[in-house]
Amino acid sequence: MYCRKNTNKPHSRARAARRIGGRAVMRCISFILVLLLLMPQTGWAEDLTLQKERELGEKALREVLKQVELATDPDCVSYLREVGAKLIKKLDDPRFDIKFYLAKKGEMNAFALPAGNIFVFRGIIEKMETEGELAGVMAHEMAHVHYRHIAERMRQSGPLSVAAMAGMLAGVLLGALAGAPELGQAVAIGAMAGAQGAAMAFSREDELEADYFGYKLMTSCGYNGEDMARTFLRLWKMQRTMYATPPPYLTTHPTSPKRMEAIQNMAYRDHLTAKPQDNHRFLRVRTRLTALYENEDAAGSRFRNELRQNPRDPYALYGMGLVSLRTGDYRMALKSMHRLAGIWTDDSSITRDMGICYLHLGQQQKAQELLNEALNSNPGDQQTLLALGQSLTQENHLDEAIFTLRRLLNKNPDLPQAHYDLGVALGKSGRTAEASLHLGLAFKGRKNLKMARYHLDQAARTLGDQPKLQNQAIKLLNEMDEEKKKREGKKKKPEESKP
């Protein structure tokens, strides 16, 4: 969106659209075909038990995670899951273990897989104005899970037909050709589940039920019901004004004036007093997502434009500081953070970010002073623990570094950077066998399978005196072997089917 290259000429735009659309279509087709393989060949005419739905959800999750790259910034992921935890706590009879995933792409999307794994894309957060609006979207997706709408779509669809497959592919193509190819990638499981002919979407009854349940859920947490009304009104306006054909997310979650009116009426009639909401953390995380995951030039251009319009905008200043930190201009980043420290006086994340700047500038004593101060204010902050572990490693305070990084991994065992830094600290302390295990985990998390296998092989061969860790390395290697066999099997199938 904020590109330096001039694409104003019609033929340039057309070529760019064809290139982007082509890539998106191929991604979408492969995504859907993988999901189709998860379905039993006999169709879904029979009822799905809760256990069967859980098993399907786990299979679908593994496949989706191969297609959708997740954001790993601890600040952003922790925030999303904390908002989710507020909502989950209010469920009277949770049928599934609900977990939220943050996708790093800037697509306007969110969807639920069977049995409660919910994906929220960066783009949908960036379109929201308040935490309440985000909570409304999350509660709506939780409602689809709670009422088992996905399983019901599957039950009603019967055996999957060629026409149904064609209908789904048509929906993807329409999403790509409508000027929003990126929205075609995640055709939510609603499209897969309701796949009888052109009936790809959740029914209007499903949507109204999810609206009502989601509204009650979010307002029970103290959010203002008008936030949900504003969110879905915005989606409806986007559908009517921004796209020639509705993108798949809006197709699988059909909007209508009646839906908008129903939500607005609920908010109008509801006399519950909403709790005052402090949106500072939401706005800070929203800014952080753009600064860390948008194209560097585009993000920098956006925040500079915002500062030109309002030089006192603290979130634009924060965004510029993060972009400077991301691009290695640590002195400029530190300058921005120092200015913010005088504005956000109670926000320990600024103290932490200043500590990270000093870490990269090689001033470890100052870095540790600030990081410890931030940790005292927020003992569970993962980004602070990570930076402190890195600083302690650089100063060769290895026992403290290992303790700090283990503390972080107890909170978030899936953080590749923490595994990498722990591997470095262990290696420097002479514990090379254990270091190999964590380096293997780090590279596996980064999808560098060649380096992961190298380090895990090392760990499996040298961890004989620590059988529990050795078995972990062997198990990971076996899982990688199984995945490799599956990939090779899929590549061979088209050739084997030739006459």
Protein backbone atom coordinates (compact mmCIF):
# COMPACT_ATOMS: atom_id res chain seq x y z
CA MET A 1 0.00 0.00 0.00
CA TYR A 2 2.83 2.39 0.84
CA CYS A 3 5.26 1.49 -1.95
CA ARG A 4 7.97 3.67 -3.40
CA LYS A 5 7.70 2.08 -6.82
CA ASN A 6 5.32 3.93 -9.14
CA THR A 7 2.50 1.66 -10.28
CA ASN A 8 0.09 4.34 -11.45
CA LYS A 9 0.06 3.16 -15.07
CA PRO A 10 -2.94 0.91 -15.84
CA HIS A 11 -0.86 -1.79 -17.54
CA SER A 12 1.54 -1.85 -14.55
CA ARG A 13 -1.35 -2.30 -12.17
CA ALA A 14 -2.85 -5.02 -14.33
CA ARG A 15 0.45 -6.95 -14.52
CA ALA A 16 0.90 -6.62 -10.75
CA ALA A 17 -2.65 -7.78 -10.12
CA ARG A 18 -2.18 -10.82 -12.39
CA ARG A 19 1.07 -11.77 -10.63
CA ILE A 20 -0.42 -11.36 -7.14
CA GLY A 21 -3.68 -13.01 -8.12
CA GLY A 22 -1.89 -15.97 -9.69
CA ARG A 23 0.23 -16.59 -6.61
CA ALA A 24 -2.79 -16.21 -4.32
CA VAL A 25 -4.91 -18.59 -6.41
CA MET A 26 -2.24 -21.30 -6.35
CA ARG A 27 -1.86 -20.88 -2.56
CA CYS A 28 -5.63 -21.03 -2.12
CA ILE A 29 -6.10 -24.12 -4.28
CA SER A 30 -3.36 -26.04 -2.46
CA PHE A 31 -4.80 -24.91 0.89
CA ILE A 32 -8.27 -26.17 0.07
CA LEU A 33 -7.10 -29.45 -1.47
CA VAL A 34 -5.14 -30.22 1.68
CA LEU A 35 -8.25 -29.57 3.76
CA LEU A 36 -10.34 -31.77 1.49
CA LEU A 37 -7.96 -34.66 2.20
CA LEU A 38 -8.94 -34.40 5.86
CA MET A 39 -12.53 -35.39 5.09
CA PRO A 40 -13.62 -39.04 5.19
CA GLN A 41 -14.35 -40.39 1.71
CA THR A 42 -17.89 -41.33 2.78
CA GLY A 43 -18.85 -37.70 3.47
CA TRP A 44 -20.31 -36.19 6.61
CA ALA A 45 -23.85 -37.50 6.54
CA GLU A 46 -23.51 -38.98 10.01
CA ASP A 47 -23.33 -36.94 13.18
CA LEU A 48 -19.92 -35.91 14.44
CA THR A 49 -19.25 -36.81 18.05
CA LEU A 50 -17.34 -34.32 20.14
CA GLN A 51 -14.32 -36.63 20.08
CA LYS A 52 -14.44 -36.96 16.28
CA GLU A 53 -14.68 -33.21 15.97
CA ARG A 54 -11.63 -32.81 18.23
CA GLU A 55 -9.66 -35.29 16.11
CA LEU A 56 -10.62 -33.50 12.92
CA GLY A 57 -9.71 -30.17 14.51
CA GLU A 58 -6.22 -31.41 15.38
CA LYS A 59 -5.65 -32.70 11.85
CA ALA A 60 -6.92 -29.45 10.36
CA LEU A 61 -4.73 -27.43 12.73
CA ARG A 62 -1.56 -29.25 11.64
CA GLU A 63 -2.35 -28.61 7.98
CA VAL A 64 -3.33 -24.96 8.48
CA LEU A 65 -0.11 -24.27 10.40
CA LYS A 66 1.80 -25.39 7.31
CA GLN A 67 0.00 -22.76 5.26
CA VAL A 68 -0.42 -19.84 7.66
CA GLU A 69 2.67 -18.19 9.13
CA LEU A 70 2.20 -17.09 12.72
CA ALA A 71 3.36 -13.92 14.41
CA THR A 72 5.83 -14.78 17.19
CA ASP A 73 6.25 -11.41 18.93
CA PRO A 74 5.55 -12.28 22.59
CA ASP A 75 3.88 -8.92 23.30
CA CYS A 76 1.32 -9.33 20.54
CA VAL A 77 0.63 -13.05 21.01
CA SER A 78 0.28 -12.68 24.79
CA TYR A 79 -2.14 -9.78 24.36
CA LEU A 80 -4.40 -11.69 21.96
CA ARG A 81 -4.51 -14.70 24.26
CA GLU A 82 -5.18 -12.56 27.34
CA VAL A 83 -8.22 -11.03 25.63
CA GLY A 84 -9.25 -14.57 24.68
CA ALA A 85 -8.79 -15.77 28.25
CA LYS A 86 -11.21 -13.09 29.51
CA LEU A 87 -13.86 -14.40 27.13
CA ILE A 88 -13.16 -18.09 27.80
CA LYS A 89 -13.52 -17.49 31.54
CA LYS A 90 -17.15 -16.43 31.00
CA LEU A 91 -18.17 -19.63 29.16
CA ASP A 92 -20.55 -21.64 31.34
CA ASP A 93 -19.93 -25.01 29.67
CA PRO A 94 -16.84 -24.93 27.44
CA ARG A 95 -17.08 -27.93 25.12
CA PHE A 96 -13.61 -27.55 23.67
CA ASP A 97 -10.23 -26.20 24.69
CA ILE A 98 -10.20 -22.91 22.79
CA LYS A 99 -6.84 -21.51 21.70
CA PHE A 100 -6.09 -18.37 19.70
CA TYR A 101 -3.41 -18.04 17.03
CA LEU A 102 -2.13 -14.76 15.60
CA ALA A 103 -1.38 -14.88 11.88
CA LYS A 104 1.26 -12.40 10.73
CA LYS A 105 -0.19 -11.58 7.29
CA GLY A 106 -2.10 -8.33 6.92
CA GLU A 107 -5.24 -10.04 5.65
CA MET A 108 -8.67 -8.96 6.85
CA ASN A 109 -9.56 -12.37 8.21
CA ALA A 110 -10.43 -14.52 11.20
CA PHE A 111 -11.75 -18.07 11.29
CA ALA A 112 -12.38 -21.01 13.59
CA LEU A 113 -11.31 -24.58 12.94
CA PRO A 114 -13.36 -27.49 14.27
CA ALA A 115 -13.11 -27.94 18.04
CA GLY A 116 -11.83 -24.52 18.96
CA ASN A 117 -8.58 -23.40 17.33
CA ILE A 118 -9.24 -19.82 16.26
CA PHE A 119 -7.02 -17.79 13.92
CA VAL A 120 -7.01 -13.99 14.03
CA PHE A 121 -5.04 -12.27 11.27
CA ARG A 122 -2.98 -9.15 11.82
CA GLY A 123 -5.03 -7.27 9.25
CA ILE A 124 -8.29 -7.57 11.16
CA ILE A 125 -6.67 -6.17 14.32
CA GLU A 126 -5.24 -3.27 12.34
CA LYS A 127 -8.77 -2.41 11.14
CA MET A 128 -10.17 -2.25 14.67
CA GLU A 129 -10.26 0.89 16.84
CA THR A 130 -10.77 -0.57 20.32
CA GLU A 131 -10.15 -3.73 22.30
CA GLY A 132 -13.93 -4.14 22.53
CA GLU A 133 -14.19 -4.35 18.74
CA LEU A 134 -11.52 -7.05 18.66
CA ALA A 135 -13.26 -8.90 21.51
CA GLY A 136 -16.49 -8.82 19.49
CA VAL A 137 -14.86 -10.61 16.54
CA MET A 138 -13.20 -13.16 18.84
CA ALA A 139 -16.45 -13.81 20.73
CA HIS A 140 -18.32 -14.28 17.45
CA GLU A 141 -15.83 -16.96 16.32
CA MET A 142 -16.05 -18.62 19.75
CA ALA A 143 -19.82 -18.79 19.29
CA HIS A 144 -19.42 -20.76 16.05
CA VAL A 145 -17.25 -23.22 17.98
CA HIS A 146 -19.61 -23.37 20.96
CA TYR A 147 -22.70 -24.13 18.86
CA ARG A 148 -20.74 -26.55 16.65
CA HIS A 149 -21.85 -24.73 13.51
CA ILE A 150 -18.92 -26.17 11.57
CA ALA A 151 -19.89 -29.73 12.48
CA GLU A 152 -23.50 -28.98 11.54
CA ARG A 153 -22.44 -27.67 8.12
CA MET A 154 -20.52 -30.92 7.62
CA ARG A 155 -23.47 -33.05 8.72
CA GLN A 156 -25.84 -31.33 6.31
CA SER A 157 -23.47 -31.40 3.35
CA GLY A 158 -23.55 -35.16 2.73
CA PRO A 159 -20.90 -36.75 0.48
CA LEU A 160 -18.55 -34.21 -1.04
CA SER A 161 -19.30 -33.82 -4.75
CA VAL A 162 -17.30 -32.52 -7.68
CA ALA A 163 -19.79 -29.64 -7.88
CA ALA A 164 -19.08 -28.75 -4.28
CA MET A 165 -15.34 -28.74 -4.92
CA ALA A 166 -15.89 -26.53 -7.97
CA GLY A 167 -18.03 -24.20 -5.90
CA MET A 168 -15.31 -23.78 -3.31
CA LEU A 169 -12.64 -23.18 -5.94
CA ALA A 170 -14.94 -20.63 -7.62
CA GLY A 171 -15.22 -18.82 -4.32
CA VAL A 172 -11.44 -18.66 -4.05
CA LEU A 173 -11.07 -17.40 -7.61
CA LEU A 174 -13.69 -14.74 -7.03
CA GLY A 175 -11.81 -13.61 -3.93
CA ALA A 176 -8.61 -13.27 -5.94
CA LEU A 177 -10.19 -11.54 -8.93
CA ALA A 178 -12.18 -9.11 -6.81
CA GLY A 179 -9.06 -7.13 -6.03
CA ALA A 180 -8.43 -8.81 -2.69
CA PRO A 181 -6.37 -11.93 -3.56
CA GLU A 182 -4.86 -12.10 -0.14
CA LEU A 183 -8.30 -12.66 1.36
CA GLY A 184 -8.72 -15.78 -0.73
CA GLN A 185 -6.06 -17.73 1.11
CA ALA A 186 -8.02 -18.61 4.23
CA VAL A 187 -11.41 -19.72 2.98
CA ALA A 188 -12.29 -20.61 6.58
CA ILE A 189 -13.52 -24.06 7.34
CA GLY A 190 -17.04 -22.69 6.98
CA ALA A 191 -16.45 -22.79 3.23
CA MET A 192 -15.19 -26.35 3.46
CA ALA A 193 -17.90 -27.50 5.83
CA GLY A 194 -20.93 -26.09 4.02
CA ALA A 195 -19.74 -27.40 0.71
CA GLN A 196 -22.93 -28.58 -0.94
CA GLY A 197 -23.18 -26.81 -4.27
CA ALA A 198 -22.77 -23.05 -3.79
CA ALA A 199 -23.82 -23.11 -0.09
CA MET A 200 -20.36 -22.25 1.19
CA ALA A 201 -21.28 -19.95 4.00
CA PHE A 202 -22.54 -20.25 7.50
CA SER A 203 -26.33 -19.87 7.36
CA ARG A 204 -27.96 -16.61 8.39
CA GLU A 205 -29.38 -18.48 11.38
CA ASP A 206 -25.84 -19.52 12.36
CA GLU A 207 -24.67 -15.94 12.08
CA LEU A 208 -27.55 -14.52 14.12
CA GLU A 209 -26.98 -17.17 16.79
CA ALA A 210 -23.24 -16.40 16.83
CA ASP A 211 -23.97 -12.66 16.99
CA TYR A 212 -26.29 -13.07 19.98
CA PHE A 213 -24.00 -15.45 21.87
CA GLY A 214 -20.90 -13.39 21.04
CA TYR A 215 -22.64 -10.18 22.13
CA LYS A 216 -23.66 -11.67 25.47
CA LEU A 217 -20.18 -13.12 25.97
CA MET A 218 -18.30 -9.88 25.31
CA THR A 219 -20.67 -7.70 27.34
CA SER A 220 -20.39 -10.13 30.27
CA CYS A 221 -16.68 -9.21 30.30
CA GLY A 222 -17.56 -5.52 30.61
CA TYR A 223 -17.05 -4.56 26.96
CA ASN A 224 -19.47 -2.12 25.37
CA GLY A 225 -21.95 -3.88 23.08
CA GLU A 226 -21.75 -0.93 20.69
CA ASP A 227 -18.20 -2.06 19.86
CA MET A 228 -19.58 -5.20 18.22
CA ALA A 229 -22.17 -3.15 16.35
CA ARG A 230 -19.43 -0.83 15.02
CA THR A 231 -17.24 -3.77 13.98
CA PHE A 232 -19.86 -5.54 11.91
CA LEU A 233 -21.16 -2.29 10.45
CA ARG A 234 -17.60 -1.59 9.28
CA LEU A 235 -17.38 -5.08 7.72
CA TRP A 236 -20.69 -4.58 5.97
CA LYS A 237 -19.59 -1.21 4.56
CA MET A 238 -16.33 -2.77 3.37
CA GLN A 239 -18.26 -5.50 1.62
CA ARG A 240 -20.49 -2.98 -0.17
CA THR A 241 -17.92 -0.34 -1.08
CA MET A 242 -14.43 -1.86 -1.28
CA TYR A 243 -14.95 -5.04 -3.30
CA ALA A 244 -16.75 -5.75 -6.55
CA THR A 245 -17.38 -9.26 -5.21
CA PRO A 246 -17.31 -10.03 -1.49
CA PRO A 247 -14.05 -11.65 -0.40
CA PRO A 248 -14.26 -15.18 1.03
CA TYR A 249 -14.24 -14.12 4.69
CA LEU A 250 -17.30 -11.97 4.17
CA THR A 251 -18.85 -14.69 1.98
CA THR A 252 -18.49 -17.30 4.70
CA HIS A 253 -19.77 -14.81 7.30
CA PRO A 254 -22.64 -13.18 5.39
CA THR A 255 -23.57 -9.69 6.51
CA SER A 256 -26.85 -7.90 5.94
CA PRO A 257 -28.67 -4.75 7.07
CA LYS A 258 -30.91 -6.96 9.26
CA ARG A 259 -27.89 -8.37 11.07
CA MET A 260 -26.52 -4.90 11.62
CA GLU A 261 -29.89 -3.69 12.88
CA ALA A 262 -30.24 -6.66 15.24
CA ILE A 263 -26.83 -6.01 16.84
CA GLN A 264 -27.52 -2.27 17.13
CA ASN A 265 -30.90 -2.97 18.74
CA MET A 266 -29.29 -5.28 21.28
CA ALA A 267 -26.79 -2.57 22.17
CA TYR A 268 -29.56 0.05 22.38
CA ARG A 269 -31.85 -2.08 24.58
CA ASP A 270 -29.06 -3.35 26.83
CA HIS A 271 -28.81 -1.16 29.90
CA LEU A 272 -25.81 -2.99 31.34
CA THR A 273 -23.17 -0.50 32.31
CA ALA A 274 -20.00 -1.20 30.36
CA LYS A 275 -16.78 -0.99 32.31
CA PRO A 276 -14.45 1.86 31.29
CA GLN A 277 -11.89 0.39 28.90
CA ASP A 278 -8.30 1.57 28.67
CA ASN A 279 -7.40 1.09 25.01
CA HIS A 280 -3.75 2.04 25.39
CA ARG A 281 -2.49 -1.54 25.29
CA PHE A 282 -4.67 -2.39 22.29
CA LEU A 283 -3.41 0.64 20.37
CA ARG A 284 0.19 -0.11 21.34
CA VAL A 285 -0.10 -3.74 20.19
CA ARG A 286 -1.85 -2.67 16.98
CA THR A 287 1.02 -0.27 16.27
CA ARG A 288 3.54 -2.96 17.15
CA LEU A 289 2.00 -5.40 14.67
CA THR A 290 2.33 -2.91 11.83
CA ALA A 291 5.87 -1.90 12.79
CA LEU A 292 7.15 -5.47 13.10
CA TYR A 293 5.32 -7.29 10.31
CA GLU A 294 4.44 -4.76 7.61
CA ASN A 295 7.00 -4.15 4.89
CA GLU A 296 9.72 -1.96 6.47
CA ASP A 297 9.47 0.84 3.90
CA ALA A 298 5.67 0.82 4.00
CA ALA A 299 5.55 0.86 7.79
CA GLY A 300 8.11 3.67 8.01
CA SER A 301 6.26 5.71 5.39
CA ARG A 302 2.97 5.24 7.22
CA PHE A 303 4.30 6.38 10.60
CA ARG A 304 6.17 9.35 9.07
CA ASN A 305 2.94 10.48 7.40
CA GLU A 306 1.07 10.18 10.69
CA LEU A 307 3.74 12.23 12.47
CA ARG A 308 3.55 14.91 9.79
CA GLN A 309 -0.20 15.16 10.41
CA ASN A 310 0.21 15.08 14.20
CA PRO A 311 3.79 15.44 15.54
CA ARG A 312 2.52 14.62 19.04
CA ASP A 313 0.94 11.28 18.11
CA PRO A 314 2.64 8.88 20.59
CA TYR A 315 1.65 5.72 18.68
CA ALA A 316 3.18 7.01 15.45
CA LEU A 317 6.32 7.89 17.42
CA TYR A 318 6.31 4.39 18.94
CA GLY A 319 5.89 2.87 15.49
CA MET A 320 8.85 4.84 14.14
CA GLY A 321 10.95 3.73 17.13
CA LEU A 322 10.13 0.08 16.47
CA VAL A 323 10.86 0.41 12.74
CA SER A 324 14.24 1.97 13.63
CA LEU A 325 14.92 -0.90 16.04
CA ARG A 326 13.92 -3.41 13.35
CA THR A 327 16.23 -1.82 10.75
CA GLY A 328 19.21 -1.58 13.12
CA ASP A 329 19.14 2.17 13.72
CA TYR A 330 19.37 1.69 17.49
CA ARG A 331 20.30 5.29 18.37
CA MET A 332 17.26 6.65 16.55
CA ALA A 333 15.09 3.98 18.21
CA LEU A 334 16.47 4.94 21.62
CA LYS A 335 15.71 8.60 20.94
CA SER A 336 12.07 7.74 20.18
CA MET A 337 11.75 5.55 23.28
CA HIS A 338 13.25 8.26 25.53
CA ARG A 339 10.61 10.71 24.25
CA LEU A 340 7.86 8.15 24.91
CA ALA A 341 9.13 7.46 28.44
CA GLY A 342 8.05 10.97 29.37
CA ILE A 343 4.56 10.37 27.91
CA TRP A 344 3.78 6.76 28.85
CA THR A 345 5.16 7.02 32.36
CA ASP A 346 3.43 3.87 33.65
CA ASP A 347 4.19 1.63 30.68
CA SER A 348 7.02 -0.78 31.51
CA SER A 349 7.25 -1.85 27.85
CA ILE A 350 9.00 1.45 27.05
CA THR A 351 11.57 0.81 29.78
CA ARG A 352 12.04 -2.64 28.29
CA ASP A 353 12.41 -1.31 24.74
CA MET A 354 15.02 1.21 25.90
CA GLY A 355 16.85 -1.72 27.50
CA ILE A 356 16.72 -3.59 24.19
CA CYS A 357 18.24 -0.56 22.43
CA TYR A 358 21.13 -0.48 24.92
CA LEU A 359 21.54 -4.25 24.48
CA HIS A 360 22.11 -3.81 20.75
CA LEU A 361 24.37 -0.79 21.34
CA GLY A 362 26.60 -3.02 23.47
CA GLN A 363 25.93 -1.18 26.73
CA GLN A 364 25.03 -4.28 28.72
CA GLN A 365 25.13 -2.81 32.22
CA LYS A 366 22.61 -0.11 31.29
CA ALA A 367 20.56 -2.67 29.37
CA GLN A 368 20.33 -5.02 32.36
CA GLU A 369 19.45 -2.17 34.70
CA LEU A 370 16.48 -1.16 32.55
CA LEU A 371 15.41 -4.74 31.80
CA ASN A 372 15.40 -5.66 35.48
CA GLU A 373 13.39 -2.52 36.22
CA ALA A 374 10.85 -3.54 33.56
CA LEU A 375 10.77 -7.09 34.92
CA ASN A 376 10.01 -5.82 38.42
CA SER A 377 6.99 -3.98 37.01
CA ASN A 378 5.86 -6.88 34.85
CA PRO A 379 7.45 -10.18 36.01
CA GLY A 380 5.84 -12.28 33.30
CA ASP A 381 6.83 -10.15 30.30
CA GLN A 382 8.32 -12.55 27.76
CA GLN A 383 10.09 -9.94 25.65
CA THR A 384 11.89 -8.65 28.75
CA LEU A 385 12.98 -12.16 29.78
CA LEU A 386 14.28 -12.81 26.26
CA ALA A 387 16.31 -9.59 26.08
CA LEU A 388 17.67 -10.06 29.61
CA GLY A 389 18.76 -13.60 28.75
CA GLN A 390 20.55 -12.30 25.65
CA SER A 391 22.31 -9.54 27.59
CA LEU A 392 23.43 -11.93 30.36
CA THR A 393 24.79 -14.33 27.73
CA GLN A 394 26.81 -11.55 26.11
CA GLU A 395 28.29 -10.68 29.51
CA ASN A 396 29.05 -14.41 30.11
CA HIS A 397 26.78 -14.56 33.15
CA LEU A 398 25.77 -17.94 31.78
CA ASP A 399 24.04 -19.53 34.77
CA GLU A 400 21.80 -16.46 35.14
CA ALA A 401 21.16 -16.41 31.39
CA ILE A 402 20.20 -20.10 31.33
CA PHE A 403 17.89 -19.65 34.34
CA THR A 404 16.20 -16.62 32.71
CA LEU A 405 15.71 -18.30 29.34
CA ARG A 406 14.35 -21.48 30.93
CA ARG A 407 11.91 -19.30 32.84
CA LEU A 408 10.78 -17.83 29.53
CA LEU A 409 10.38 -21.25 27.87
CA ASN A 410 8.25 -22.44 30.78
CA LYS A 411 5.85 -19.66 29.81
CA ASN A 412 6.14 -20.10 26.06
CA PRO A 413 7.75 -23.38 24.95
CA ASP A 414 7.12 -22.62 21.27
CA LEU A 415 9.31 -19.50 20.97
CA PRO A 416 12.11 -20.29 18.47
CA GLN A 417 14.29 -17.32 19.46
CA ALA A 418 14.26 -18.40 23.12
CA HIS A 419 15.38 -21.92 22.16
CA TYR A 420 18.14 -20.44 20.00
CA ASP A 421 19.42 -18.13 22.74
CA LEU A 422 19.27 -20.92 25.31
CA GLY A 423 21.24 -23.13 22.91
CA VAL A 424 23.90 -20.42 22.60
CA ALA A 425 24.13 -19.97 26.39
CA LEU A 426 24.34 -23.73 26.98
CA GLY A 427 27.00 -24.08 24.29
CA LYS A 428 29.10 -21.32 25.80
CA SER A 429 28.85 -23.04 29.19
CA GLY A 430 30.15 -26.32 27.71
CA ARG A 431 26.81 -28.19 27.73
CA THR A 432 26.92 -28.84 23.99
CA ALA A 433 24.64 -31.90 23.87
CA GLU A 434 21.73 -30.04 25.46
CA ALA A 435 22.60 -26.99 23.37
CA SER A 436 22.10 -29.08 20.22
CA LEU A 437 18.58 -30.02 21.30
CA HIS A 438 17.52 -26.39 21.75
CA LEU A 439 19.19 -25.28 18.54
CA GLY A 440 17.33 -28.08 16.76
CA LEU A 441 14.06 -26.87 18.27
CA ALA A 442 14.86 -23.30 17.22
CA PHE A 443 15.54 -24.20 13.57
CA LYS A 444 12.50 -26.51 13.45
CA GLY A 445 10.36 -23.62 14.67
CA ARG A 446 11.84 -21.44 11.93
CA LYS A 447 11.11 -24.19 9.36
CA ASN A 448 14.82 -24.60 8.54
CA LEU A 449 14.55 -28.39 8.50
CA LYS A 450 18.07 -29.07 7.26
CA MET A 451 19.68 -27.26 10.19
CA ALA A 452 17.08 -28.67 12.59
CA ARG A 453 17.92 -32.22 11.56
CA TYR A 454 21.66 -31.58 11.91
CA HIS A 455 21.36 -30.33 15.48
CA LEU A 456 18.77 -32.91 16.54
CA ASP A 457 21.00 -35.71 15.17
CA GLN A 458 23.79 -34.31 17.31
CA ALA A 459 21.52 -34.23 20.34
CA ALA A 460 20.25 -37.79 19.81
CA ARG A 461 23.82 -39.10 19.59
CA THR A 462 25.28 -37.18 22.54
CA LEU A 463 22.49 -37.02 25.14
CA GLY A 464 22.97 -40.59 26.39
CA ASP A 465 23.42 -39.42 29.99
CA GLN A 466 20.08 -37.51 29.81
CA PRO A 467 17.63 -40.11 28.44
CA LYS A 468 14.57 -37.86 28.76
CA LEU A 469 16.14 -35.19 26.53
CA GLN A 470 17.57 -37.83 24.20
CA ASN A 471 14.09 -39.35 23.73
CA GLN A 472 12.75 -35.87 22.96
CA ALA A 473 15.34 -35.44 20.21
CA ILE A 474 14.59 -38.90 18.77
CA LYS A 475 10.84 -38.22 18.82
CA LEU A 476 11.33 -34.94 16.95
CA LEU A 477 13.49 -36.68 14.34
CA ASN A 478 10.85 -39.40 13.86
CA GLU A 479 8.14 -36.76 13.42
CA MET A 480 10.26 -35.01 10.79
CA ASP A 481 10.78 -38.34 8.99
CA GLU A 482 7.01 -38.96 8.94
CA GLU A 483 6.35 -35.49 7.56
CA LYS A 484 8.97 -36.04 4.87
CA LYS A 485 7.36 -39.33 3.83
CA LYS A 486 3.96 -37.65 3.56
CA ARG A 487 5.37 -34.86 1.39
CA GLU A 488 7.14 -37.32 -0.89
CA GLY A 489 4.01 -39.46 -1.09
CA LYS A 490 1.91 -36.52 -2.21
CA LYS A 491 4.44 -35.66 -4.91
CA LYS A 492 4.38 -39.23 -6.29
CA LYS A 493 0.59 -39.64 -6.42
CA PRO A 494 -0.07 -37.59 -9.61
CA GLU A 495 2.60 -39.57 -11.50
CA GLU A 496 1.26 -42.93 -10.25
CA SER A 497 -2.25 -42.06 -11.46
CA LYS A 498 -1.13 -41.66 -15.06
CA PRO A 499 -2.26 -44.52 -17.41
